[in-house]
Amino acid sequence: MASLMLLMTISACGGPQDPAANQVNRLLVGDYKIDRILKEITHHEQDRNGLV
């Protein structure tokens, strides 16, 4: 949520802005990628610790 607020603050400054839908789509894709990476790290750590 903090990254969303930061992005909104940054996007309020400067030149022409993308339509809001494009910004939301980029946020969703970024969140999906972060979630996937965190799951991979968690799975790797569990494998390494013999929990899986």
C-alpha atoms as a PDB file:
ATOM      1  CA  MET A   1       0.000   0.000   0.000  1.00  0.00           C
ATOM      2  CA  ALA A   2       2.904   2.343   0.707  1.00  0.00           C
ATOM      3  CA  SER A   3       4.217   1.804  -2.818  1.00  0.00           C
ATOM      4  CA  LEU A   4       0.818   2.782  -4.176  1.00  0.00           C
ATOM      5  CA  MET A   5       0.872   6.023  -2.196  1.00  0.00           C
ATOM      6  CA  LEU A   6       4.419   6.761  -3.352  1.00  0.00           C
ATOM      7  CA  LEU A   7       3.480   6.139  -6.976  1.00  0.00           C
ATOM      8  CA  MET A   8       0.446   8.391  -6.656  1.00  0.00           C
ATOM      9  CA  THR A   9       2.594  11.137  -5.138  1.00  0.00           C
ATOM     10  CA  ILE A  10       5.252  10.856  -7.829  1.00  0.00           C
ATOM     11  CA  SER A  11       2.706  10.704 -10.654  1.00  0.00           C
ATOM     12  CA  ALA A  12       1.060  13.901  -9.390  1.00  0.00           C
ATOM     13  CA  CYS A  13       4.208  15.800 -10.412  1.00  0.00           C
ATOM     14  CA  GLY A  14       5.655  16.327 -13.842  1.00  0.00           C
ATOM     15  CA  GLY A  15       4.430  15.987 -17.390  1.00  0.00           C
ATOM     16  CA  PRO A  16       1.484  14.283 -19.049  1.00  0.00           C
ATOM     17  CA  GLN A  17       0.107  11.316 -17.190  1.00  0.00           C
ATOM     18  CA  ASP A  18      -1.050   7.915 -18.371  1.00  0.00           C
ATOM     19  CA  PRO A  19      -4.728   7.216 -18.008  1.00  0.00           C
ATOM     20  CA  ALA A  20      -5.551   5.936 -14.525  1.00  0.00           C
ATOM     21  CA  ALA A  21      -6.468   2.494 -15.887  1.00  0.00           C
ATOM     22  CA  ASN A  22      -2.937   2.059 -17.294  1.00  0.00           C
ATOM     23  CA  GLN A  23      -1.403   3.034 -13.958  1.00  0.00           C
ATOM     24  CA  VAL A  24      -3.657   0.589 -12.112  1.00  0.00           C
ATOM     25  CA  ASN A  25      -2.813  -2.191 -14.575  1.00  0.00           C
ATOM     26  CA  ARG A  26       0.915  -1.607 -14.068  1.00  0.00           C
ATOM     27  CA  LEU A  27       0.448  -1.701 -10.290  1.00  0.00           C
ATOM     28  CA  LEU A  28      -1.480  -4.959 -10.491  1.00  0.00           C
ATOM     29  CA  VAL A  29       1.159  -6.566 -12.701  1.00  0.00           C
ATOM     30  CA  GLY A  30       3.899  -5.358 -10.343  1.00  0.00           C
ATOM     31  CA  ASP A  31       2.042  -6.684  -7.300  1.00  0.00           C
ATOM     32  CA  TYR A  32       1.530 -10.039  -9.031  1.00  0.00           C
ATOM     33  CA  LYS A  33       5.251 -10.288  -9.810  1.00  0.00           C
ATOM     34  CA  ILE A  34       6.223  -9.409  -6.237  1.00  0.00           C
ATOM     35  CA  ASP A  35       3.757 -11.959  -4.854  1.00  0.00           C
ATOM     36  CA  ARG A  36       5.088 -14.670  -7.166  1.00  0.00           C
ATOM     37  CA  ILE A  37       8.704 -13.933  -6.233  1.00  0.00           C
ATOM     38  CA  LEU A  38       7.890 -13.970  -2.509  1.00  0.00           C
ATOM     39  CA  LYS A  39       6.164 -17.341  -2.897  1.00  0.00           C
ATOM     40  CA  GLU A  40       9.196 -18.712  -4.744  1.00  0.00           C
ATOM     41  CA  ILE A  41      11.531 -17.449  -2.006  1.00  0.00           C
ATOM     42  CA  THR A  42       9.319 -18.923   0.715  1.00  0.00           C
ATOM     43  CA  HIS A  43       9.176 -22.282  -1.076  1.00  0.00           C
ATOM     44  CA  HIS A  44      12.944 -22.255  -1.564  1.00  0.00           C
ATOM     45  CA  GLU A  45      13.525 -21.498   2.129  1.00  0.00           C
ATOM     46  CA  GLN A  46      11.126 -24.258   3.161  1.00  0.00           C
ATOM     47  CA  ASP A  47      12.915 -26.723   0.871  1.00  0.00           C
ATOM     48  CA  ARG A  48      16.256 -25.649   2.284  1.00  0.00           C
ATOM     49  CA  ASN A  49      15.018 -26.130   5.838  1.00  0.00           C
ATOM     50  CA  GLY A  50      13.352 -29.456   5.044  1.00  0.00           C
ATOM     51  CA  LEU A  51       9.846 -28.176   5.749  1.00  0.00           C
ATOM     52  CA  VAL A  52       8.332 -29.255   2.432  1.00  0.00           C
END
